[in-house]
Amino acid sequence: MPIVTVQQGPRDTELKRELVERITDAFVDAYKIPADTVQVWIHEVPADSWGVSGKLIADS
């Protein structure tokens, strides 16, 4: 059973629904497995807990 973890900043629920569907479809297609065996975990990181190029995203 594949478990896919996505780490990202906060996104709207509809975008997350679409992402989960597309990731699941990709595994079903590539591995020829049933969709109900694919799990997608979304871990959202707040902008004040994520840094790029030495700066917090919240400060951008």
PDB file of N, CA and C in Angstrom:
ATOM      1  N   MET A   1       0.847  -1.172   0.000  1.00  0.00           N
ATOM      2  CA  MET A   1       0.000   0.000   0.000  1.00  0.00           C
ATOM      3  C   MET A   1       0.894   1.237   0.000  1.00  0.00           C
ATOM      4  N   PRO A   2       0.899   2.012  -1.079  1.00  0.00           N
ATOM      5  CA  PRO A   2       1.699   3.233  -1.111  1.00  0.00           C
ATOM      6  C   PRO A   2       1.114   4.306  -0.187  1.00  0.00           C
ATOM      7  N   ILE A   3       2.023   4.982   0.504  1.00  0.00           N
ATOM      8  CA  ILE A   3       1.651   6.146   1.305  1.00  0.00           C
ATOM      9  C   ILE A   3       2.487   7.303   0.783  1.00  0.00           C
ATOM     10  N   VAL A   4       1.814   8.339   0.305  1.00  0.00           N
ATOM     11  CA  VAL A   4       2.481   9.510  -0.252  1.00  0.00           C
ATOM     12  C   VAL A   4       2.311  10.655   0.737  1.00  0.00           C
ATOM     13  N   THR A   5       3.414  11.306   1.102  1.00  0.00           N
ATOM     14  CA  THR A   5       3.340  12.448   1.996  1.00  0.00           C
ATOM     15  C   THR A   5       3.683  13.712   1.220  1.00  0.00           C
ATOM     16  N   VAL A   6       2.808  14.689   1.306  1.00  0.00           N
ATOM     17  CA  VAL A   6       3.007  15.979   0.652  1.00  0.00           C
ATOM     18  C   VAL A   6       3.226  17.014   1.740  1.00  0.00           C
ATOM     19  N   GLN A   7       4.336  17.716   1.681  1.00  0.00           N
ATOM     20  CA  GLN A   7       4.578  18.811   2.615  1.00  0.00           C
ATOM     21  C   GLN A   7       4.458  20.105   1.830  1.00  0.00           C
ATOM     22  N   GLN A   8       3.625  21.004   2.338  1.00  0.00           N
ATOM     23  CA  GLN A   8       3.362  22.245   1.614  1.00  0.00           C
ATOM     24  C   GLN A   8       2.829  23.295   2.565  1.00  0.00           C
ATOM     25  N   GLY A   9       2.746  24.511   2.052  1.00  0.00           N
ATOM     26  CA  GLY A   9       2.061  25.566   2.774  1.00  0.00           C
ATOM     27  C   GLY A   9       0.561  25.352   2.661  1.00  0.00           C
ATOM     28  N   PRO A  10      -0.210  26.051   3.455  1.00  0.00           N
ATOM     29  CA  PRO A  10      -1.667  25.897   3.433  1.00  0.00           C
ATOM     30  C   PRO A  10      -2.267  26.153   2.044  1.00  0.00           C
ATOM     31  N   ARG A  11      -3.200  25.311   1.680  1.00  0.00           N
ATOM     32  CA  ARG A  11      -3.923  25.437   0.415  1.00  0.00           C
ATOM     33  C   ARG A  11      -5.407  25.250   0.679  1.00  0.00           C
ATOM     34  N   ASP A  12      -6.207  25.698  -0.245  1.00  0.00           N
ATOM     35  CA  ASP A  12      -7.656  25.573  -0.155  1.00  0.00           C
ATOM     36  C   ASP A  12      -8.066  24.094  -0.330  1.00  0.00           C
ATOM     37  N   THR A  13      -9.151  23.715   0.315  1.00  0.00           N
ATOM     38  CA  THR A  13      -9.593  22.318   0.329  1.00  0.00           C
ATOM     39  C   THR A  13      -9.834  21.771  -1.070  1.00  0.00           C
ATOM     40  N   GLU A  14     -10.401  22.561  -1.955  1.00  0.00           N
ATOM     41  CA  GLU A  14     -10.671  22.079  -3.319  1.00  0.00           C
ATOM     42  C   GLU A  14      -9.366  21.728  -4.043  1.00  0.00           C
ATOM     43  N   LEU A  15      -8.332  22.529  -3.863  1.00  0.00           N
ATOM     44  CA  LEU A  15      -7.037  22.217  -4.477  1.00  0.00           C
ATOM     45  C   LEU A  15      -6.465  20.923  -3.906  1.00  0.00           C
ATOM     46  N   LYS A  16      -6.633  20.708  -2.611  1.00  0.00           N
ATOM     47  CA  LYS A  16      -6.136  19.474  -1.994  1.00  0.00           C
ATOM     48  C   LYS A  16      -6.913  18.264  -2.497  1.00  0.00           C
ATOM     49  N   ARG A  17      -8.214  18.410  -2.700  1.00  0.00           N
ATOM     50  CA  ARG A  17      -9.009  17.306  -3.268  1.00  0.00           C
ATOM     51  C   ARG A  17      -8.460  16.903  -4.634  1.00  0.00           C
ATOM     52  N   GLU A  18      -8.198  17.903  -5.467  1.00  0.00           N
ATOM     53  CA  GLU A  18      -7.687  17.636  -6.809  1.00  0.00           C
ATOM     54  C   GLU A  18      -6.304  16.989  -6.756  1.00  0.00           C
ATOM     55  N   LEU A  19      -5.443  17.475  -5.873  1.00  0.00           N
ATOM     56  CA  LEU A  19      -4.113  16.905  -5.733  1.00  0.00           C
ATOM     57  C   LEU A  19      -4.179  15.436  -5.322  1.00  0.00           C
ATOM     58  N   VAL A  20      -4.995  15.124  -4.314  1.00  0.00           N
ATOM     59  CA  VAL A  20      -5.140  13.746  -3.844  1.00  0.00           C
ATOM     60  C   VAL A  20      -5.651  12.853  -4.972  1.00  0.00           C
ATOM     61  N   GLU A  21      -6.615  13.331  -5.735  1.00  0.00           N
ATOM     62  CA  GLU A  21      -7.153  12.557  -6.850  1.00  0.00           C
ATOM     63  C   GLU A  21      -6.079  12.286  -7.901  1.00  0.00           C
ATOM     64  N   ARG A  22      -5.312  13.308  -8.251  1.00  0.00           N
ATOM     65  CA  ARG A  22      -4.280  13.144  -9.283  1.00  0.00           C
ATOM     66  C   ARG A  22      -3.145  12.227  -8.828  1.00  0.00           C
ATOM     67  N   ILE A  23      -2.730  12.372  -7.573  1.00  0.00           N
ATOM     68  CA  ILE A  23      -1.682  11.497  -7.053  1.00  0.00           C
ATOM     69  C   ILE A  23      -2.172  10.045  -7.044  1.00  0.00           C
ATOM     70  N   THR A  24      -3.390   9.845  -6.579  1.00  0.00           N
ATOM     71  CA  THR A  24      -3.959   8.493  -6.558  1.00  0.00           C
ATOM     72  C   THR A  24      -4.023   7.917  -7.962  1.00  0.00           C
ATOM     73  N   ASP A  25      -4.521   8.695  -8.925  1.00  0.00           N
ATOM     74  CA  ASP A  25      -4.601   8.229 -10.314  1.00  0.00           C
ATOM     75  C   ASP A  25      -3.230   7.853 -10.859  1.00  0.00           C
ATOM     76  N   ALA A  26      -2.204   8.628 -10.501  1.00  0.00           N
ATOM     77  CA  ALA A  26      -0.847   8.342 -10.980  1.00  0.00           C
ATOM     78  C   ALA A  26      -0.363   6.985 -10.461  1.00  0.00           C
ATOM     79  N   PHE A  27      -0.623   6.683  -9.199  1.00  0.00           N
ATOM     80  CA  PHE A  27      -0.207   5.391  -8.652  1.00  0.00           C
ATOM     81  C   PHE A  27      -1.012   4.247  -9.246  1.00  0.00           C
ATOM     82  N   VAL A  28      -2.306   4.458  -9.421  1.00  0.00           N
ATOM     83  CA  VAL A  28      -3.149   3.433 -10.037  1.00  0.00           C
ATOM     84  C   VAL A  28      -2.631   3.118 -11.441  1.00  0.00           C
ATOM     85  N   ASP A  29      -2.297   4.143 -12.197  1.00  0.00           N
ATOM     86  CA  ASP A  29      -1.806   3.968 -13.560  1.00  0.00           C
ATOM     87  C   ASP A  29      -0.414   3.325 -13.586  1.00  0.00           C
ATOM     88  N   ALA A  30       0.499   3.829 -12.774  1.00  0.00           N
ATOM     89  CA  ALA A  30       1.888   3.355 -12.801  1.00  0.00           C
ATOM     90  C   ALA A  30       2.045   1.958 -12.202  1.00  0.00           C
ATOM     91  N   TYR A  31       1.361   1.692 -11.107  1.00  0.00           N
ATOM     92  CA  TYR A  31       1.554   0.428 -10.391  1.00  0.00           C
ATOM     93  C   TYR A  31       0.465  -0.606 -10.655  1.00  0.00           C
ATOM     94  N   LYS A  32      -0.572  -0.182 -11.380  1.00  0.00           N
ATOM     95  CA  LYS A  32      -1.697  -1.084 -11.673  1.00  0.00           C
ATOM     96  C   LYS A  32      -2.292  -1.665 -10.388  1.00  0.00           C
ATOM     97  N   ILE A  33      -2.597  -0.762  -9.445  1.00  0.00           N
ATOM     98  CA  ILE A  33      -3.160  -1.156  -8.154  1.00  0.00           C
ATOM     99  C   ILE A  33      -4.515  -0.477  -7.977  1.00  0.00           C
ATOM    100  N   PRO A  34      -5.345  -1.003  -7.082  1.00  0.00           N
ATOM    101  CA  PRO A  34      -6.633  -0.358  -6.825  1.00  0.00           C
ATOM    102  C   PRO A  34      -6.446   0.985  -6.101  1.00  0.00           C
ATOM    103  N   ALA A  35      -7.313   1.921  -6.415  1.00  0.00           N
ATOM    104  CA  ALA A  35      -7.243   3.254  -5.804  1.00  0.00           C
ATOM    105  C   ALA A  35      -7.364   3.193  -4.287  1.00  0.00           C
ATOM    106  N   ASP A  36      -8.119   2.233  -3.774  1.00  0.00           N
ATOM    107  CA  ASP A  36      -8.318   2.188  -2.320  1.00  0.00           C
ATOM    108  C   ASP A  36      -7.084   1.714  -1.551  1.00  0.00           C
ATOM    109  N   THR A  37      -6.012   1.389  -2.263  1.00  0.00           N
ATOM    110  CA  THR A  37      -4.770   1.012  -1.584  1.00  0.00           C
ATOM    111  C   THR A  37      -3.792   2.185  -1.478  1.00  0.00           C
ATOM    112  N   VAL A  38      -4.141   3.323  -2.075  1.00  0.00           N
ATOM    113  CA  VAL A  38      -3.249   4.493  -2.088  1.00  0.00           C
ATOM    114  C   VAL A  38      -3.687   5.465  -0.998  1.00  0.00           C
ATOM    115  N   GLN A  39      -2.737   5.858  -0.155  1.00  0.00           N
ATOM    116  CA  GLN A  39      -3.013   6.858   0.875  1.00  0.00           C
ATOM    117  C   GLN A  39      -2.173   8.095   0.586  1.00  0.00           C
ATOM    118  N   VAL A  40      -2.783   9.260   0.737  1.00  0.00           N
ATOM    119  CA  VAL A  40      -2.076  10.523   0.550  1.00  0.00           C
ATOM    120  C   VAL A  40      -2.235  11.327   1.831  1.00  0.00           C
ATOM    121  N   TRP A  41      -1.107  11.679   2.429  1.00  0.00           N
ATOM    122  CA  TRP A  41      -1.107  12.485   3.646  1.00  0.00           C
ATOM    123  C   TRP A  41      -0.600  13.866   3.295  1.00  0.00           C
ATOM    124  N   ILE A  42      -1.356  14.881   3.646  1.00  0.00           N
ATOM    125  CA  ILE A  42      -0.948  16.259   3.388  1.00  0.00           C
ATOM    126  C   ILE A  42      -0.568  16.902   4.717  1.00  0.00           C
ATOM    127  N   HIS A  43       0.672  17.322   4.782  1.00  0.00           N
ATOM    128  CA  HIS A  43       1.170  17.990   5.981  1.00  0.00           C
ATOM    129  C   HIS A  43       1.369  19.455   5.625  1.00  0.00           C
ATOM    130  N   GLU A  44       0.528  20.310   6.163  1.00  0.00           N
ATOM    131  CA  GLU A  44       0.621  21.738   5.868  1.00  0.00           C
ATOM    132  C   GLU A  44       1.476  22.446   6.915  1.00  0.00           C
ATOM    133  N   VAL A  45       2.417  23.201   6.427  1.00  0.00           N
ATOM    134  CA  VAL A  45       3.343  23.927   7.290  1.00  0.00           C
ATOM    135  C   VAL A  45       3.000  25.416   7.228  1.00  0.00           C
ATOM    136  N   PRO A  46       2.756  26.057   8.362  1.00  0.00           N
ATOM    137  CA  PRO A  46       2.439  27.484   8.364  1.00  0.00           C
ATOM    138  C   PRO A  46       3.607  28.317   7.823  1.00  0.00           C
ATOM    139  N   ALA A  47       3.284  29.448   7.236  1.00  0.00           N
ATOM    140  CA  ALA A  47       4.293  30.316   6.627  1.00  0.00           C
ATOM    141  C   ALA A  47       5.334  30.800   7.634  1.00  0.00           C
ATOM    142  N   ASP A  48       4.978  30.842   8.916  1.00  0.00           N
ATOM    143  CA  ASP A  48       5.959  31.280   9.917  1.00  0.00           C
ATOM    144  C   ASP A  48       6.824  30.122  10.440  1.00  0.00           C
ATOM    145  N   SER A  49       6.647  28.950   9.836  1.00  0.00           N
ATOM    146  CA  SER A  49       7.446  27.780  10.217  1.00  0.00           C
ATOM    147  C   SER A  49       8.187  27.194   9.019  1.00  0.00           C
ATOM    148  N   TRP A  50       8.367  27.992   7.966  1.00  0.00           N
ATOM    149  CA  TRP A  50       8.975  27.518   6.731  1.00  0.00           C
ATOM    150  C   TRP A  50       9.895  28.613   6.213  1.00  0.00           C
ATOM    151  N   GLY A  51      11.120  28.259   5.905  1.00  0.00           N
ATOM    152  CA  GLY A  51      12.067  29.244   5.403  1.00  0.00           C
ATOM    153  C   GLY A  51      12.646  28.862   4.057  1.00  0.00           C
ATOM    154  N   VAL A  52      12.943  29.870   3.248  1.00  0.00           N
ATOM    155  CA  VAL A  52      13.597  29.706   1.953  1.00  0.00           C
ATOM    156  C   VAL A  52      14.630  30.812   1.811  1.00  0.00           C
ATOM    157  N   SER A  53      15.807  30.462   1.380  1.00  0.00           N
ATOM    158  CA  SER A  53      16.883  31.442   1.150  1.00  0.00           C
ATOM    159  C   SER A  53      17.180  32.276   2.391  1.00  0.00           C
ATOM    160  N   GLY A  54      17.095  31.666   3.551  1.00  0.00           N
ATOM    161  CA  GLY A  54      17.441  32.364   4.778  1.00  0.00           C
ATOM    162  C   GLY A  54      16.333  33.226   5.364  1.00  0.00           C
ATOM    163  N   LYS A  55      15.124  33.170   4.784  1.00  0.00           N
ATOM    164  CA  LYS A  55      14.018  34.012   5.282  1.00  0.00           C
ATOM    165  C   LYS A  55      12.759  33.176   5.440  1.00  0.00           C
ATOM    166  N   LEU A  56      11.960  33.534   6.443  1.00  0.00           N
ATOM    167  CA  LEU A  56      10.658  32.883   6.597  1.00  0.00           C
ATOM    168  C   LEU A  56       9.743  33.281   5.447  1.00  0.00           C
ATOM    169  N   ILE A  57       8.944  32.343   5.003  1.00  0.00           N
ATOM    170  CA  ILE A  57       7.963  32.631   3.965  1.00  0.00           C
ATOM    171  C   ILE A  57       7.024  33.744   4.431  1.00  0.00           C
ATOM    172  N   ALA A  58       6.709  33.763   5.715  1.00  0.00           N
ATOM    173  CA  ALA A  58       5.799  34.779   6.277  1.00  0.00           C
ATOM    174  C   ALA A  58       6.359  36.193   6.094  1.00  0.00           C
ATOM    175  N   ASP A  59       7.673  36.317   5.960  1.00  0.00           N
ATOM    176  CA  ASP A  59       8.293  37.632   5.803  1.00  0.00           C
ATOM    177  C   ASP A  59       8.421  38.066   4.345  1.00  0.00           C
ATOM    178  N   SER A  60       7.999  37.225   3.441  1.00  0.00           N
ATOM    179  CA  SER A  60       8.135  37.553   1.999  1.00  0.00           C
ATOM    180  C   SER A  60       7.069  38.527   1.553  1.00  0.00           C
TER     181      SER A  60
END
